[in-house]
PDB file of N, CA and C in Angstrom:
ATOM      1  N   MET A   1     146.638 297.784-143.439  1.00  0.00           N
ATOM      2  CA  MET A   1     147.822 297.466-144.204  1.00  0.00           C
ATOM      3  C   MET A   1     148.526 296.297-143.521  1.00  0.00           C
ATOM      4  N   GLY A   2     148.844 295.280-144.292  1.00  0.00           N
ATOM      5  CA  GLY A   2     149.531 294.116-143.760  1.00  0.00           C
ATOM      6  C   GLY A   2     151.032 294.313-143.702  1.00  0.00           C
ATOM      7  N   ILE A   3     151.703 293.337-143.149  1.00  0.00           N
ATOM      8  CA  ILE A   3     153.149 293.424-143.001  1.00  0.00           C
ATOM      9  C   ILE A   3     153.864 293.439-144.346  1.00  0.00           C
ATOM     10  N   VAL A   4     153.327 292.733-145.324  1.00  0.00           N
ATOM     11  CA  VAL A   4     153.963 292.693-146.648  1.00  0.00           C
ATOM     12  C   VAL A   4     153.890 294.066-147.310  1.00  0.00           C
ATOM     13  N   GLU A   5     152.721 294.682-147.279  1.00  0.00           N
ATOM     14  CA  GLU A   5     152.572 296.012-147.878  1.00  0.00           C
ATOM     15  C   GLU A   5     153.442 297.033-147.153  1.00  0.00           C
ATOM     16  N   TRP A   6     153.492 296.934-145.830  1.00  0.00           N
ATOM     17  CA  TRP A   6     154.301 297.864-145.039  1.00  0.00           C
ATOM     18  C   TRP A   6     155.774 297.717-145.398  1.00  0.00           C
ATOM     19  N   SER A   7     156.256 296.463-145.466  1.00  0.00           N
ATOM     20  CA  SER A   7     157.673 296.249-145.755  1.00  0.00           C
ATOM     21  C   SER A   7     158.014 296.666-147.187  1.00  0.00           C
ATOM     22  N   GLU A   8     157.122 296.425-148.138  1.00  0.00           N
ATOM     23  CA  GLU A   8     157.375 296.858-149.509  1.00  0.00           C
ATOM     24  C   GLU A   8     157.466 298.378-149.593  1.00  0.00           C
ATOM     25  N   LYS A   9     156.631 299.069-148.859  1.00  0.00           N
ATOM     26  CA  LYS A   9     156.673 300.534-148.848  1.00  0.00           C
ATOM     27  C   LYS A   9     157.993 301.033-148.259  1.00  0.00           C
ATOM     28  N   LYS A  10     158.434 300.404-147.179  1.00  0.00           N
ATOM     29  CA  LYS A  10     159.697 300.804-146.555  1.00  0.00           C
ATOM     30  C   LYS A  10     160.884 300.494-147.457  1.00  0.00           C
ATOM     31  N   ILE A  11     160.861 299.343-148.132  1.00  0.00           N
ATOM     32  CA  ILE A  11     161.970 298.954-148.993  1.00  0.00           C
ATOM     33  C   ILE A  11     162.088 299.888-150.187  1.00  0.00           C
ATOM     34  N   ARG A  12     160.977 300.339-150.719  1.00  0.00           N
ATOM     35  CA  ARG A  12     161.014 301.271-151.861  1.00  0.00           C
ATOM     36  C   ARG A  12     161.680 302.590-151.501  1.00  0.00           C
ATOM     37  N   ASN A  13     161.679 302.955-150.229  1.00  0.00           N
ATOM     38  CA  ASN A  13     162.271 304.221-149.802  1.00  0.00           C
ATOM     39  C   ASN A  13     163.771 304.126-149.547  1.00  0.00           C
ATOM     40  N   LEU A  14     164.353 302.928-149.629  1.00  0.00           N
ATOM     41  CA  LEU A  14     165.786 302.776-149.385  1.00  0.00           C
ATOM     42  C   LEU A  14     166.586 303.152-150.624  1.00  0.00           C
ATOM     43  N   SER A  15     167.745 303.749-150.393  1.00  0.00           N
ATOM     44  CA  SER A  15     168.615 304.126-151.504  1.00  0.00           C
ATOM     45  C   SER A  15     169.566 302.976-151.830  1.00  0.00           C
ATOM     46  N   ILE A  16     170.348 303.162-152.887  1.00  0.00           N
ATOM     47  CA  ILE A  16     171.317 302.144-153.296  1.00  0.00           C
ATOM     48  C   ILE A  16     172.371 301.954-152.217  1.00  0.00           C
ATOM     49  N   TRP A  17     172.733 303.013-151.505  1.00  0.00           N
ATOM     50  CA  TRP A  17     173.734 302.923-150.446  1.00  0.00           C
ATOM     51  C   TRP A  17     173.194 302.129-149.254  1.00  0.00           C
ATOM     52  N   GLU A  18     171.923 302.264-148.992  1.00  0.00           N
ATOM     53  CA  GLU A  18     171.327 301.502-147.894  1.00  0.00           C
ATOM     54  C   GLU A  18     171.216 300.018-148.239  1.00  0.00           C
ATOM     55  N   PHE A  19     170.964 299.705-149.503  1.00  0.00           N
ATOM     56  CA  PHE A  19     171.008 298.305-149.918  1.00  0.00           C
ATOM     57  C   PHE A  19     172.432 297.766-149.801  1.00  0.00           C
ATOM     58  N   ALA A  20     173.422 298.609-150.076  1.00  0.00           N
ATOM     59  CA  ALA A  20     174.817 298.194-149.900  1.00  0.00           C
ATOM     60  C   ALA A  20     175.089 297.881-148.429  1.00  0.00           C
ATOM     61  N   LEU A  21     174.533 298.685-147.525  1.00  0.00           N
ATOM     62  CA  LEU A  21     174.681 298.405-146.097  1.00  0.00           C
ATOM     63  C   LEU A  21     174.062 297.066-145.729  1.00  0.00           C
ATOM     64  N   VAL A  22     172.923 296.765-146.307  1.00  0.00           N
ATOM     65  CA  VAL A  22     172.278 295.478-146.049  1.00  0.00           C
ATOM     66  C   VAL A  22     173.196 294.340-146.499  1.00  0.00           C
ATOM     67  N   LYS A  23     173.755 294.456-147.682  1.00  0.00           N
ATOM     68  CA  LYS A  23     174.623 293.407-148.194  1.00  0.00           C
ATOM     69  C   LYS A  23     175.879 293.259-147.353  1.00  0.00           C
ATOM     70  N   ILE A  24     176.502 294.366-146.982  1.00  0.00           N
ATOM     71  CA  ILE A  24     177.716 294.306-146.168  1.00  0.00           C
ATOM     72  C   ILE A  24     177.415 293.661-144.821  1.00  0.00           C
ATOM     73  N   THR A  25     176.299 294.056-144.213  1.00  0.00           N
ATOM     74  CA  THR A  25     175.922 293.487-142.932  1.00  0.00           C
ATOM     75  C   THR A  25     175.703 291.979-143.040  1.00  0.00           C
ATOM     76  N   LEU A  26     175.001 291.554-144.072  1.00  0.00           N
ATOM     77  CA  LEU A  26     174.749 290.122-144.241  1.00  0.00           C
ATOM     78  C   LEU A  26     176.033 289.349-144.536  1.00  0.00           C
ATOM     79  N   VAL A  27     176.944 289.925-145.300  1.00  0.00           N
ATOM     80  CA  VAL A  27     178.224 289.267-145.560  1.00  0.00           C
ATOM     81  C   VAL A  27     179.012 289.114-144.264  1.00  0.00           C
ATOM     82  N   LEU A  28     179.043 290.162-143.445  1.00  0.00           N
ATOM     83  CA  LEU A  28     179.777 290.084-142.188  1.00  0.00           C
ATOM     84  C   LEU A  28     179.155 289.067-141.233  1.00  0.00           C
ATOM     85  N   VAL A  29     177.843 289.008-141.194  1.00  0.00           N
ATOM     86  CA  VAL A  29     177.180 288.000-140.362  1.00  0.00           C
ATOM     87  C   VAL A  29     177.526 286.604-140.876  1.00  0.00           C
ATOM     88  N   GLY A  30     177.536 286.429-142.175  1.00  0.00           N
ATOM     89  CA  GLY A  30     177.910 285.143-142.748  1.00  0.00           C
ATOM     90  C   GLY A  30     179.340 284.754-142.420  1.00  0.00           C
ATOM     91  N   ILE A  31     180.230 285.726-142.445  1.00  0.00           N
ATOM     92  CA  ILE A  31     181.616 285.458-142.072  1.00  0.00           C
ATOM     93  C   ILE A  31     181.695 284.998-140.623  1.00  0.00           C
ATOM     94  N   MET A  32     180.972 285.699-139.767  1.00  0.00           N
ATOM     95  CA  MET A  32     181.004 285.350-138.346  1.00  0.00           C
ATOM     96  C   MET A  32     180.432 283.963-138.091  1.00  0.00           C
ATOM     97  N   ILE A  33     179.343 283.624-138.749  1.00  0.00           N
ATOM     98  CA  ILE A  33     178.706 282.328-138.528  1.00  0.00           C
ATOM     99  C   ILE A  33     179.475 281.215-139.234  1.00  0.00           C
ATOM    100  N   GLY A  34     179.802 281.418-140.497  1.00  0.00           N
ATOM    101  CA  GLY A  34     180.394 280.362-141.299  1.00  0.00           C
ATOM    102  C   GLY A  34     181.834 280.041-140.986  1.00  0.00           C
ATOM    103  N   ALA A  35     182.583 281.008-140.520  1.00  0.00           N
ATOM    104  CA  ALA A  35     184.013 280.793-140.292  1.00  0.00           C
ATOM    105  C   ALA A  35     184.400 281.046-138.845  1.00  0.00           C
ATOM    106  N   TYR A  36     183.495 280.827-137.943  1.00  0.00           N
ATOM    107  CA  TYR A  36     183.787 281.162-136.549  1.00  0.00           C
ATOM    108  C   TYR A  36     184.950 280.334-136.002  1.00  0.00           C
ATOM    109  N   LEU A  37     185.173 279.163-136.507  1.00  0.00           N
ATOM    110  CA  LEU A  37     186.261 278.337-136.007  1.00  0.00           C
ATOM    111  C   LEU A  37     187.630 278.792-136.510  1.00  0.00           C
ATOM    112  N   SER A  38     187.643 279.643-137.502  1.00  0.00           N
ATOM    113  CA  SER A  38     188.896 280.161-138.038  1.00  0.00           C
ATOM    114  C   SER A  38     189.563 281.069-137.006  1.00  0.00           C
ATOM    115  N   THR A  39     190.869 280.977-136.908  1.00  0.00           N
ATOM    116  CA  THR A  39     191.588 281.807-135.933  1.00  0.00           C
ATOM    117  C   THR A  39     191.537 283.281-136.315  1.00  0.00           C
ATOM    118  N   PHE A  40     191.494 283.585-137.620  1.00  0.00           N
ATOM    119  CA  PHE A  40     191.406 284.986-138.044  1.00  0.00           C
ATOM    120  C   PHE A  40     190.126 285.630-137.528  1.00  0.00           C
ATOM    121  N   VAL A  41     189.017 284.928-137.694  1.00  0.00           N
ATOM    122  CA  VAL A  41     187.729 285.471-137.259  1.00  0.00           C
ATOM    123  C   VAL A  41     187.687 285.572-135.744  1.00  0.00           C
ATOM    124  N   GLN A  42     188.202 284.589-135.063  1.00  0.00           N
ATOM    125  CA  GLN A  42     188.212 284.646-133.599  1.00  0.00           C
ATOM    126  C   GLN A  42     189.086 285.788-133.105  1.00  0.00           C
ATOM    127  N   GLN A  43     190.180 286.037-133.794  1.00  0.00           N
ATOM    128  CA  GLN A  43     191.099 287.095-133.401  1.00  0.00           C
ATOM    129  C   GLN A  43     190.452 288.475-133.522  1.00  0.00           C
ATOM    130  N   TYR A  44     189.649 288.684-134.557  1.00  0.00           N
ATOM    131  CA  TYR A  44     189.041 289.987-134.811  1.00  0.00           C
ATOM    132  C   TYR A  44     187.528 289.971-134.614  1.00  0.00           C
ATOM    133  N   ALA A  45     187.012 289.068-133.823  1.00  0.00           N
ATOM    134  CA  ALA A  45     185.564 288.921-133.627  1.00  0.00           C
ATOM    135  C   ALA A  45     184.936 290.197-133.082  1.00  0.00           C
ATOM    136  N   LEU A  46     185.590 290.861-132.161  1.00  0.00           N
ATOM    137  CA  LEU A  46     185.037 292.093-131.588  1.00  0.00           C
ATOM    138  C   LEU A  46     184.870 293.169-132.657  1.00  0.00           C
ATOM    139  N   TYR A  47     185.814 293.272-133.567  1.00  0.00           N
ATOM    140  CA  TYR A  47     185.715 294.263-134.635  1.00  0.00           C
ATOM    141  C   TYR A  47     184.556 293.939-135.581  1.00  0.00           C
ATOM    142  N   PHE A  48     184.423 292.654-135.926  1.00  0.00           N
ATOM    143  CA  PHE A  48     183.314 292.241-136.785  1.00  0.00           C
ATOM    144  C   PHE A  48     181.973 292.546-136.131  1.00  0.00           C
ATOM    145  N   VAL A  49     181.843 292.207-134.861  1.00  0.00           N
ATOM    146  CA  VAL A  49     180.585 292.434-134.152  1.00  0.00           C
ATOM    147  C   VAL A  49     180.292 293.924-134.052  1.00  0.00           C
ATOM    148  N   THR A  50     181.299 294.735-133.829  1.00  0.00           N
ATOM    149  CA  THR A  50     181.113 296.186-133.745  1.00  0.00           C
ATOM    150  C   THR A  50     180.623 296.756-135.072  1.00  0.00           C
ATOM    151  N   VAL A  51     181.243 296.348-136.174  1.00  0.00           N
ATOM    152  CA  VAL A  51     180.829 296.834-137.490  1.00  0.00           C
ATOM    153  C   VAL A  51     179.409 296.374-137.802  1.00  0.00           C
ATOM    154  N   ILE A  52     179.091 295.131-137.496  1.00  0.00           N
ATOM    155  CA  ILE A  52     177.741 294.615-137.721  1.00  0.00           C
ATOM    156  C   ILE A  52     176.728 295.424-136.933  1.00  0.00           C
ATOM    157  N   ALA A  53     177.016 295.697-135.670  1.00  0.00           N
ATOM    158  CA  ALA A  53     176.081 296.445-134.822  1.00  0.00           C
ATOM    159  C   ALA A  53     175.855 297.860-135.345  1.00  0.00           C
ATOM    160  N   VAL A  54     176.921 298.522-135.770  1.00  0.00           N
ATOM    161  CA  VAL A  54     176.791 299.894-136.285  1.00  0.00           C
ATOM    162  C   VAL A  54     175.969 299.901-137.575  1.00  0.00           C
ATOM    163  N   LEU A  55     176.290 299.000-138.503  1.00  0.00           N
ATOM    164  CA  LEU A  55     175.553 298.959-139.761  1.00  0.00           C
ATOM    165  C   LEU A  55     174.089 298.600-139.541  1.00  0.00           C
ATOM    166  N   TYR A  56     173.839 297.682-138.629  1.00  0.00           N
ATOM    167  CA  TYR A  56     172.466 297.283-138.347  1.00  0.00           C
ATOM    168  C   TYR A  56     171.692 298.435-137.705  1.00  0.00           C
ATOM    169  N   ALA A  57     172.347 299.198-136.836  1.00  0.00           N
ATOM    170  CA  ALA A  57     171.688 300.352-136.213  1.00  0.00           C
ATOM    171  C   ALA A  57     171.320 301.396-137.270  1.00  0.00           C
ATOM    172  N   VAL A  58     172.197 301.632-138.224  1.00  0.00           N
ATOM    173  CA  VAL A  58     171.904 302.582-139.299  1.00  0.00           C
ATOM    174  C   VAL A  58     170.706 302.105-140.104  1.00  0.00           C
ATOM    175  N   LEU A  59     170.676 300.820-140.422  1.00  0.00           N
ATOM    176  CA  LEU A  59     169.549 300.276-141.179  1.00  0.00           C
ATOM    177  C   LEU A  59     168.245 300.384-140.406  1.00  0.00           C
ATOM    178  N   LEU A  60     168.270 300.059-139.134  1.00  0.00           N
ATOM    179  CA  LEU A  60     167.058 300.168-138.322  1.00  0.00           C
ATOM    180  C   LEU A  60     166.567 301.606-138.256  1.00  0.00           C
ATOM    181  N   TYR A  61     167.486 302.543-138.129  1.00  0.00           N
ATOM    182  CA  TYR A  61     167.083 303.949-138.088  1.00  0.00           C
ATOM    183  C   TYR A  61     166.445 304.366-139.401  1.00  0.00           C
ATOM    184  N   ARG A  62     167.031 303.925-140.528  1.00  0.00           N
ATOM    185  CA  ARG A  62     166.486 304.308-141.839  1.00  0.00           C
ATOM    186  C   ARG A  62     165.123 303.683-142.087  1.00  0.00           C
ATOM    187  N   VAL A  63     164.897 302.457-141.597  1.00  0.00           N
ATOM    188  CA  VAL A  63     163.637 301.791-141.847  1.00  0.00           C
ATOM    189  C   VAL A  63     162.554 302.287-140.884  1.00  0.00           C
ATOM    190  N   PHE A  64     162.889 302.417-139.611  1.00  0.00           N
ATOM    191  CA  PHE A  64     161.888 302.764-138.620  1.00  0.00           C
ATOM    192  C   PHE A  64     161.890 304.232-138.218  1.00  0.00           C
ATOM    193  N   GLY A  65     162.910 304.981-138.615  1.00  0.00           N
ATOM    194  CA  GLY A  65     162.988 306.399-138.265  1.00  0.00           C
ATOM    195  C   GLY A  65     161.956 307.212-139.010  1.00  0.00           C
ATOM    196  N   LYS A  66     161.616 308.348-138.423  1.00  0.00           N
ATOM    197  CA  LYS A  66     160.646 309.230-139.073  1.00  0.00           C
ATOM    198  C   LYS A  66     161.327 310.037-140.147  1.00  0.00           C
ATOM    199  N   LYS A  67     160.616 310.250-141.215  1.00  0.00           N
ATOM    200  CA  LYS A  67     161.142 311.081-142.306  1.00  0.00           C
ATOM    201  C   LYS A  67     160.336 312.333-142.436  1.00  0.00           C
TER     202      LYS A  67
END
């Protein structure tokens, strides 16, 4: 089984809420990268990074965890 088949199988097992986590994580990463010079983002950077790390950990567990 190649990487494409493996990833398609894993993606089919994700729920709508897990896709929402993917979107939220990507939006937060985009905020951090795209607006890093903004004082608002710099002020709350630790909170953004913490939320990103938690959401990413949940996604990794769902994709690579045993079911």
